[in-house]
Amino acid sequence: MRFISNRLLVGSIFFLLVTLGVVFHLFTRIDLVLLTWIQGITPSLFDRVLSLFSLVGSFEVLSLFLFVFLFPKDKRLFFRVFAVYLIGLGLEIVMKYYLVHIGPPRIFYRYDLPFLFPTSSVHPGYSFPSGHSYRSVFVAYIILSNLHLYQIAKKNIARISVAVQLFLVFMLGSRVSLGEHWPSDVVGGVLLGVMAAEVSLLPEKYLSFGGQQKRKSKKDQ
């Protein structure tokens, strides 16, 4: 199974470790320290702008973005990726129901917009892992892994990559600065997003690996 990437294996191991840390409340102190520090260095003036990331990271917006990016170019890939995306969402919701990890107290909450999408107002129970972090990382990973579907110059690919990574920095940071999640929730969402994205791309990796093996066999003959 050499076509299974190290990212999937390492991501799975770290996700398990972080989950165990949450189960045994190992991150309680560092979560509080990091949250108060991040909120302390983030001026409240930016709360409204950062609150926009709560809307952008919603299921509705990111699912639509995933559809627009993949469906016109590769319908089969879209349906497979979207199926794994939904499975990851299901896992996130199940974990929030059963894994006791209470989110930040209301006193830390700094969301500053009068509107939320319907799915963002649904709170299944606890806070681990962060759904916004999961969805954002998953969609960003899929986009960066499939830019070859579009005829984009190399220099523009580099610019898109930087833009996507900056988006992730602000998205993930806003989860903590707005008091919506503990840092450990965000880390869990990131790892779940990487794992799910890697799983959805396994068929491409398998075909690529098979092609490399065939070419190698022909050279050896």
Protein backbone atom coordinates (compact mmCIF):
# COMPACT_ATOMS: atom_id res chain seq x y z
CA MET A 1 0.00 0.00 0.00
CA ARG A 2 2.84 2.35 -0.82
CA PHE A 3 0.46 4.72 -2.60
CA ILE A 4 -1.06 5.68 0.76
CA SER A 5 0.66 8.94 1.63
CA ASN A 6 2.65 9.67 4.74
CA ARG A 7 0.32 12.60 5.35
CA LEU A 8 -2.63 10.27 5.83
CA LEU A 9 -0.71 7.98 8.17
CA VAL A 10 0.88 10.78 10.19
CA GLY A 11 -2.35 12.77 10.23
CA SER A 12 -4.28 9.75 11.53
CA ILE A 13 -1.76 9.14 14.30
CA PHE A 14 -1.75 12.76 15.43
CA PHE A 15 -5.56 12.97 15.23
CA LEU A 16 -5.79 9.95 17.51
CA LEU A 17 -3.28 11.46 19.93
CA VAL A 18 -5.05 14.83 20.02
CA THR A 19 -8.40 13.09 20.51
CA LEU A 20 -7.00 11.11 23.43
CA GLY A 21 -5.57 14.32 24.86
CA VAL A 22 -9.03 15.89 24.70
CA VAL A 23 -10.66 12.80 26.24
CA PHE A 24 -8.28 12.94 29.20
CA HIS A 25 -8.42 16.76 29.45
CA LEU A 26 -4.70 17.19 28.86
CA PHE A 27 -5.08 20.47 26.96
CA THR A 28 -7.28 22.39 29.40
CA ARG A 29 -4.56 24.73 30.67
CA ILE A 30 -2.76 25.32 27.38
CA ASP A 31 -6.09 25.87 25.60
CA LEU A 32 -6.96 28.64 28.04
CA VAL A 33 -3.50 30.20 27.87
CA LEU A 34 -3.44 30.20 24.06
CA LEU A 35 -7.00 31.47 23.71
CA THR A 36 -6.46 34.40 26.07
CA TRP A 37 -3.13 35.21 24.40
CA ILE A 38 -4.58 35.14 20.87
CA GLN A 39 -7.55 37.26 21.92
CA GLY A 40 -5.19 39.64 23.68
CA ILE A 41 -3.12 40.31 20.56
CA THR A 42 -6.18 40.56 18.27
CA PRO A 43 -7.78 44.03 18.47
CA SER A 44 -11.56 43.94 18.79
CA LEU A 45 -11.57 46.32 15.82
CA PHE A 46 -10.98 43.27 13.61
CA ASP A 47 -13.80 41.18 15.08
CA ARG A 48 -16.32 42.07 12.39
CA VAL A 49 -13.92 41.27 9.56
CA LEU A 50 -12.85 38.01 11.20
CA SER A 51 -16.52 37.17 11.77
CA LEU A 52 -16.90 37.00 7.99
CA PHE A 53 -14.76 33.87 8.10
CA SER A 54 -17.50 32.21 10.15
CA LEU A 55 -19.83 32.75 7.19
CA VAL A 56 -17.29 31.74 4.55
CA GLY A 57 -16.42 28.59 6.50
CA SER A 58 -20.03 27.47 6.76
CA PHE A 59 -21.22 24.22 5.20
CA GLU A 60 -23.33 26.13 2.68
CA VAL A 61 -20.56 28.35 1.30
CA LEU A 62 -17.70 25.84 1.22
CA SER A 63 -19.88 23.07 -0.24
CA LEU A 64 -20.93 25.43 -3.01
CA PHE A 65 -17.30 26.38 -3.61
CA LEU A 66 -16.32 22.72 -3.82
CA PHE A 67 -19.11 22.12 -6.34
CA VAL A 68 -18.15 25.09 -8.52
CA PHE A 69 -14.48 24.11 -8.50
CA LEU A 70 -14.78 20.37 -9.22
CA PHE A 71 -18.14 19.55 -10.83
CA PRO A 72 -17.62 21.31 -14.20
CA LYS A 73 -14.20 19.69 -14.65
CA ASP A 74 -14.62 16.17 -13.25
CA LYS A 75 -18.07 15.05 -12.11
CA ARG A 76 -16.91 11.63 -10.94
CA LEU A 77 -14.16 13.17 -8.85
CA PHE A 78 -16.62 15.66 -7.37
CA PHE A 79 -19.08 12.99 -6.23
CA ARG A 80 -16.34 10.89 -4.66
CA VAL A 81 -14.75 13.87 -2.91
CA PHE A 82 -18.12 15.16 -1.73
CA ALA A 83 -19.07 11.74 -0.36
CA VAL A 84 -15.89 11.62 1.75
CA TYR A 85 -16.49 15.26 2.75
CA LEU A 86 -19.94 14.31 4.10
CA ILE A 87 -18.54 11.27 5.92
CA GLY A 88 -16.01 13.55 7.61
CA LEU A 89 -18.82 15.91 8.60
CA GLY A 90 -20.71 12.97 10.05
CA LEU A 91 -17.68 11.95 12.08
CA GLU A 92 -17.27 15.52 13.32
CA ILE A 93 -20.90 15.66 14.48
CA VAL A 94 -20.75 12.25 16.17
CA MET A 95 -17.59 13.27 18.05
CA LYS A 96 -19.24 16.50 19.16
CA TYR A 97 -22.15 14.52 20.56
CA TYR A 98 -20.17 11.97 22.50
CA LEU A 99 -16.74 13.46 23.27
CA VAL A 100 -17.14 15.68 26.32
CA HIS A 101 -15.20 18.87 25.59
CA ILE A 102 -17.08 22.02 26.51
CA GLY A 103 -16.30 25.02 24.30
CA PRO A 104 -15.00 28.40 25.51
CA PRO A 105 -17.26 30.23 28.00
CA ARG A 106 -19.60 32.87 26.59
CA ILE A 107 -17.39 35.62 28.01
CA PHE A 108 -14.81 34.88 25.28
CA TYR A 109 -17.34 35.03 22.43
CA ARG A 110 -16.60 37.90 20.01
CA TYR A 111 -18.60 37.09 16.86
CA ASP A 112 -19.77 40.47 15.56
CA LEU A 113 -22.29 39.95 12.77
CA PRO A 114 -26.11 39.82 13.03
CA PHE A 115 -26.38 36.86 10.67
CA LEU A 116 -25.50 33.16 10.65
CA PHE A 117 -26.21 30.47 8.09
CA PRO A 118 -28.65 27.80 9.34
CA THR A 119 -26.00 25.09 9.78
CA SER A 120 -23.77 27.44 11.78
CA SER A 121 -26.49 27.90 14.38
CA VAL A 122 -26.72 24.14 14.99
CA HIS A 123 -24.70 23.06 18.03
CA PRO A 124 -24.65 19.25 18.35
CA GLY A 125 -23.20 19.24 21.86
CA TYR A 126 -19.52 19.80 22.53
CA SER A 127 -16.78 21.56 20.58
CA PHE A 128 -14.21 19.00 19.38
CA PRO A 129 -13.29 19.01 16.53
CA SER A 130 -13.91 22.39 14.89
CA GLY A 131 -16.22 22.03 11.89
CA HIS A 132 -15.08 25.27 10.29
CA SER A 133 -11.47 24.12 10.52
CA TYR A 134 -12.33 20.71 9.08
CA ARG A 135 -14.29 22.09 6.13
CA SER A 136 -11.81 24.85 5.33
CA VAL A 137 -8.78 22.56 5.37
CA PHE A 138 -10.58 19.87 3.38
CA VAL A 139 -11.72 22.25 0.62
CA ALA A 140 -8.36 24.07 0.52
CA TYR A 141 -6.52 20.74 0.27
CA ILE A 142 -8.75 19.56 -2.58
CA ILE A 143 -8.31 22.82 -4.47
CA LEU A 144 -4.52 22.86 -4.15
CA SER A 145 -4.35 19.19 -5.15
CA ASN A 146 -6.47 19.68 -8.27
CA LEU A 147 -5.32 22.95 -9.79
CA HIS A 148 -4.08 20.83 -12.72
CA LEU A 149 -7.71 20.59 -13.85
CA TYR A 150 -7.37 24.20 -14.95
CA GLN A 151 -4.82 25.63 -17.34
CA ILE A 152 -3.04 27.89 -14.91
CA ALA A 153 0.46 29.27 -15.32
CA LYS A 154 3.00 28.14 -12.72
CA LYS A 155 3.47 31.64 -11.31
CA ASN A 156 -0.30 31.94 -10.85
CA ILE A 157 -0.44 28.54 -9.15
CA ALA A 158 2.10 29.82 -6.65
CA ARG A 159 -0.03 32.92 -6.03
CA ILE A 160 -3.17 30.85 -5.58
CA SER A 161 -1.35 28.58 -3.13
CA VAL A 162 -0.23 31.57 -1.06
CA ALA A 163 -3.74 33.04 -1.12
CA VAL A 164 -5.31 29.76 0.00
CA GLN A 165 -2.77 29.36 2.79
CA LEU A 166 -3.39 32.92 3.99
CA PHE A 167 -7.11 32.20 3.96
CA LEU A 168 -6.49 29.20 6.18
CA VAL A 169 -4.35 31.22 8.60
CA PHE A 170 -7.13 33.78 9.09
CA MET A 171 -9.86 31.14 9.17
CA LEU A 172 -8.14 29.01 11.79
CA GLY A 173 -7.00 32.02 13.81
CA SER A 174 -10.50 33.49 13.80
CA ARG A 175 -11.93 30.33 15.39
CA VAL A 176 -9.87 31.09 18.49
CA SER A 177 -9.80 34.90 18.41
CA LEU A 178 -13.61 35.02 18.21
CA GLY A 179 -13.87 32.61 21.13
CA GLU A 180 -15.74 30.01 19.09
CA HIS A 181 -13.28 27.18 19.71
CA TRP A 182 -10.33 26.14 21.83
CA PRO A 183 -7.00 25.73 19.98
CA SER A 184 -7.24 21.95 20.46
CA ASP A 185 -10.59 21.97 18.62
CA VAL A 186 -8.92 23.75 15.71
CA VAL A 187 -6.01 21.31 15.61
CA GLY A 188 -8.46 18.41 15.60
CA GLY A 189 -10.41 19.96 12.72
CA VAL A 190 -7.23 20.55 10.72
CA LEU A 191 -6.07 16.95 11.12
CA LEU A 192 -9.52 15.58 10.27
CA GLY A 193 -9.60 17.76 7.15
CA VAL A 194 -6.20 16.53 5.97
CA MET A 195 -7.14 12.90 6.63
CA ALA A 196 -10.47 13.13 4.80
CA ALA A 197 -8.97 14.98 1.82
CA GLU A 198 -6.21 12.39 1.52
CA VAL A 199 -8.75 9.55 1.63
CA SER A 200 -10.83 11.19 -1.11
CA LEU A 201 -7.74 11.40 -3.34
CA LEU A 202 -6.55 7.82 -2.79
CA PRO A 203 -7.88 6.55 -6.17
CA GLU A 204 -5.78 9.16 -8.01
CA LYS A 205 -2.74 8.23 -5.96
CA TYR A 206 -3.37 4.53 -6.66
CA LEU A 207 -3.66 5.11 -10.42
CA SER A 208 -0.55 7.28 -10.39
CA PHE A 209 1.33 4.64 -8.42
CA GLY A 210 0.15 1.91 -10.80
CA GLY A 211 1.27 3.92 -13.81
CA GLN A 212 4.71 4.45 -12.30
CA GLN A 213 5.02 0.72 -11.62
CA LYS A 214 4.07 -0.16 -15.21
CA ARG A 215 6.60 2.28 -16.64
CA LYS A 216 9.26 0.90 -14.32
CA SER A 217 8.46 -2.68 -15.39
CA LYS A 218 8.76 -1.76 -19.07
CA LYS A 219 12.15 -0.19 -18.48
CA ASP A 220 13.35 -3.30 -16.64
CA GLN A 221 12.33 -5.61 -19.50
